[in-house]
Amino acid sequence: MKLKALTEQYLEALKTDGKSERTLYTYGKDLEQILTFFGGEREVDSINKPEVGKFLKSDELLRLPNGKDRAPQTVKKTQRVLRMLLVYAVNHGLLNEAPLPKALVPTSESIAPDGK
């Protein structure tokens, strides 16, 4: 599956789950950053841990279009959205394992009861 199709499917699943319009909007913006970095036509199963690691250090994630640093909480939210997207792909049989570097693998105390 192409990354663009996965992001659309994921947003639709969030909408079906009753997420607010604001959440859908902000997650959509995070997913746009992810698509810009990896490319929407990219096959999801071709994304690997080193590339995700590069994204975590990229200007696409860390800087605003004007070159200023993004707020740390904004960066963390985008990282969380990427993690949830990849876990969604695993849970729906699109990936065998989420290509998450250690920086994005949640610890047991950071996982909410719903797994997010």
C-alpha atoms as a PDB file:
ATOM      1  CA  MET A   1       0.000   0.000   0.000  1.00  0.00           C
ATOM      2  CA  LYS A   2       1.197   3.517  -0.786  1.00  0.00           C
ATOM      3  CA  LEU A   3       1.881   5.825   2.159  1.00  0.00           C
ATOM      4  CA  LYS A   4      -0.670   8.399   0.958  1.00  0.00           C
ATOM      5  CA  ALA A   5      -3.400   5.744   0.872  1.00  0.00           C
ATOM      6  CA  LEU A   6      -2.414   4.556   4.357  1.00  0.00           C
ATOM      7  CA  THR A   7      -2.617   8.072   5.798  1.00  0.00           C
ATOM      8  CA  GLU A   8      -6.070   8.551   4.264  1.00  0.00           C
ATOM      9  CA  GLN A   9      -7.234   5.203   5.623  1.00  0.00           C
ATOM     10  CA  TYR A  10      -5.802   6.034   9.061  1.00  0.00           C
ATOM     11  CA  LEU A  11      -7.537   9.430   9.192  1.00  0.00           C
ATOM     12  CA  GLU A  12     -10.811   7.796   8.159  1.00  0.00           C
ATOM     13  CA  ALA A  13     -10.404   5.223  10.942  1.00  0.00           C
ATOM     14  CA  LEU A  14      -9.828   8.030  13.448  1.00  0.00           C
ATOM     15  CA  LYS A  15     -12.956   9.779  12.185  1.00  0.00           C
ATOM     16  CA  THR A  16     -14.947   6.541  12.528  1.00  0.00           C
ATOM     17  CA  ASP A  17     -13.598   6.206  16.085  1.00  0.00           C
ATOM     18  CA  GLY A  18     -15.150   9.585  16.854  1.00  0.00           C
ATOM     19  CA  LYS A  19     -12.028  11.749  17.065  1.00  0.00           C
ATOM     20  CA  SER A  20     -12.750  15.476  17.069  1.00  0.00           C
ATOM     21  CA  GLU A  21     -12.442  17.646  13.976  1.00  0.00           C
ATOM     22  CA  ARG A  22      -9.519  19.439  15.650  1.00  0.00           C
ATOM     23  CA  THR A  23      -7.680  16.154  16.214  1.00  0.00           C
ATOM     24  CA  LEU A  24      -8.308  15.104  12.618  1.00  0.00           C
ATOM     25  CA  TYR A  25      -7.005  18.471  11.402  1.00  0.00           C
ATOM     26  CA  THR A  26      -3.833  18.453  13.517  1.00  0.00           C
ATOM     27  CA  TYR A  27      -3.089  14.800  12.758  1.00  0.00           C
ATOM     28  CA  GLY A  28      -3.650  15.596   9.096  1.00  0.00           C
ATOM     29  CA  LYS A  29      -0.992  18.328   9.306  1.00  0.00           C
ATOM     30  CA  ASP A  30       1.414  15.897  10.989  1.00  0.00           C
ATOM     31  CA  LEU A  31       0.740  13.322   8.279  1.00  0.00           C
ATOM     32  CA  GLU A  32       1.453  15.965   5.607  1.00  0.00           C
ATOM     33  CA  GLN A  33       4.945  16.405   7.093  1.00  0.00           C
ATOM     34  CA  ILE A  34       5.442  12.647   7.038  1.00  0.00           C
ATOM     35  CA  LEU A  35       4.249  12.431   3.426  1.00  0.00           C
ATOM     36  CA  THR A  36       6.536  15.285   2.386  1.00  0.00           C
ATOM     37  CA  PHE A  37       9.542  13.511   3.862  1.00  0.00           C
ATOM     38  CA  PHE A  38       8.855   9.943   2.718  1.00  0.00           C
ATOM     39  CA  GLY A  39       6.757  10.613  -0.389  1.00  0.00           C
ATOM     40  CA  GLY A  40       3.112   9.719  -0.821  1.00  0.00           C
ATOM     41  CA  GLU A  41       3.789   7.180  -3.562  1.00  0.00           C
ATOM     42  CA  ARG A  42       6.205   5.282  -1.326  1.00  0.00           C
ATOM     43  CA  GLU A  43       5.235   1.719  -0.467  1.00  0.00           C
ATOM     44  CA  VAL A  44       4.690   1.529   3.276  1.00  0.00           C
ATOM     45  CA  ASP A  45       6.588  -1.746   3.592  1.00  0.00           C
ATOM     46  CA  SER A  46       9.699  -0.158   2.079  1.00  0.00           C
ATOM     47  CA  ILE A  47      10.162   2.300   4.961  1.00  0.00           C
ATOM     48  CA  ASN A  48      12.892   1.167   7.332  1.00  0.00           C
ATOM     49  CA  LYS A  49      14.244   2.127  10.768  1.00  0.00           C
ATOM     50  CA  PRO A  50      17.231   4.158   9.492  1.00  0.00           C
ATOM     51  CA  GLU A  51      14.904   6.276   7.326  1.00  0.00           C
ATOM     52  CA  VAL A  52      12.559   6.862  10.243  1.00  0.00           C
ATOM     53  CA  GLY A  53      15.628   7.883  12.243  1.00  0.00           C
ATOM     54  CA  LYS A  54      16.555  10.375   9.522  1.00  0.00           C
ATOM     55  CA  PHE A  55      13.036  11.806   9.675  1.00  0.00           C
ATOM     56  CA  LEU A  56      13.445  12.311  13.433  1.00  0.00           C
ATOM     57  CA  LYS A  57      16.485  14.514  12.705  1.00  0.00           C
ATOM     58  CA  SER A  58      15.118  16.199   9.586  1.00  0.00           C
ATOM     59  CA  ASP A  59      14.316  19.844   9.020  1.00  0.00           C
ATOM     60  CA  GLU A  60      10.874  18.673   7.867  1.00  0.00           C
ATOM     61  CA  LEU A  61      10.155  17.617  11.447  1.00  0.00           C
ATOM     62  CA  LEU A  62      12.265  20.030  13.473  1.00  0.00           C
ATOM     63  CA  ARG A  63      11.826  23.327  11.607  1.00  0.00           C
ATOM     64  CA  LEU A  64       8.988  25.509  10.409  1.00  0.00           C
ATOM     65  CA  PRO A  65       8.888  26.556   6.742  1.00  0.00           C
ATOM     66  CA  ASN A  66      10.434  29.902   7.784  1.00  0.00           C
ATOM     67  CA  GLY A  67      13.437  28.075   9.301  1.00  0.00           C
ATOM     68  CA  LYS A  68      12.550  28.603  12.961  1.00  0.00           C
ATOM     69  CA  ASP A  69      12.538  25.648  15.329  1.00  0.00           C
ATOM     70  CA  ARG A  70       9.237  23.897  15.929  1.00  0.00           C
ATOM     71  CA  ALA A  71       8.074  23.760  19.536  1.00  0.00           C
ATOM     72  CA  PRO A  72       9.275  20.578  21.295  1.00  0.00           C
ATOM     73  CA  GLN A  73       5.705  19.509  22.102  1.00  0.00           C
ATOM     74  CA  THR A  74       4.785  19.842  18.400  1.00  0.00           C
ATOM     75  CA  VAL A  75       7.738  17.665  17.409  1.00  0.00           C
ATOM     76  CA  LYS A  76       6.750  15.048  20.006  1.00  0.00           C
ATOM     77  CA  LYS A  77       3.167  15.020  18.731  1.00  0.00           C
ATOM     78  CA  THR A  78       4.301  14.471  15.142  1.00  0.00           C
ATOM     79  CA  GLN A  79       6.563  11.655  16.324  1.00  0.00           C
ATOM     80  CA  ARG A  80       3.610  10.120  18.172  1.00  0.00           C
ATOM     81  CA  VAL A  81       1.396  10.369  15.074  1.00  0.00           C
ATOM     82  CA  LEU A  82       4.088   8.619  13.002  1.00  0.00           C
ATOM     83  CA  ARG A  83       4.370   5.863  15.616  1.00  0.00           C
ATOM     84  CA  MET A  84       0.590   5.409  15.747  1.00  0.00           C
ATOM     85  CA  LEU A  85       0.395   5.325  11.928  1.00  0.00           C
ATOM     86  CA  LEU A  86       3.020   2.585  11.725  1.00  0.00           C
ATOM     87  CA  VAL A  87       1.397   0.600  14.546  1.00  0.00           C
ATOM     88  CA  TYR A  88      -1.937   0.969  12.719  1.00  0.00           C
ATOM     89  CA  ALA A  89      -0.263  -0.494   9.612  1.00  0.00           C
ATOM     90  CA  VAL A  90       0.990  -3.475  11.652  1.00  0.00           C
ATOM     91  CA  ASN A  91      -2.426  -4.008  13.243  1.00  0.00           C
ATOM     92  CA  HIS A  92      -4.027  -4.057   9.788  1.00  0.00           C
ATOM     93  CA  GLY A  93      -1.570  -6.527   8.281  1.00  0.00           C
ATOM     94  CA  LEU A  94       0.288  -4.012   6.110  1.00  0.00           C
ATOM     95  CA  LEU A  95       3.568  -4.412   8.005  1.00  0.00           C
ATOM     96  CA  ASN A  96       5.011  -7.315   9.960  1.00  0.00           C
ATOM     97  CA  GLU A  97       6.782  -4.940  12.335  1.00  0.00           C
ATOM     98  CA  ALA A  98       6.746  -1.164  12.767  1.00  0.00           C
ATOM     99  CA  PRO A  99      10.120   0.276  11.651  1.00  0.00           C
ATOM    100  CA  LEU A 100      10.565   2.279  14.825  1.00  0.00           C
ATOM    101  CA  PRO A 101      13.985   3.274  16.129  1.00  0.00           C
ATOM    102  CA  LYS A 102      14.452   3.086  19.906  1.00  0.00           C
ATOM    103  CA  ALA A 103      13.646   6.799  20.193  1.00  0.00           C
ATOM    104  CA  LEU A 104      10.032   6.075  19.179  1.00  0.00           C
ATOM    105  CA  VAL A 105       9.442   2.757  20.921  1.00  0.00           C
ATOM    106  CA  PRO A 106       7.233   3.562  23.893  1.00  0.00           C
ATOM    107  CA  THR A 107       8.061   2.306  27.335  1.00  0.00           C
ATOM    108  CA  SER A 108       5.349   0.407  29.188  1.00  0.00           C
ATOM    109  CA  GLU A 109       4.598   3.387  31.432  1.00  0.00           C
ATOM    110  CA  SER A 110       4.132   5.718  28.447  1.00  0.00           C
ATOM    111  CA  ILE A 111       1.469   3.568  26.780  1.00  0.00           C
ATOM    112  CA  ALA A 112      -2.083   4.561  27.570  1.00  0.00           C
ATOM    113  CA  PRO A 113      -4.626   1.828  28.393  1.00  0.00           C
ATOM    114  CA  ASP A 114      -5.968   2.026  24.814  1.00  0.00           C
ATOM    115  CA  GLY A 115      -2.474   1.278  23.454  1.00  0.00           C
ATOM    116  CA  LYS A 116      -1.795   4.791  22.153  1.00  0.00           C
END
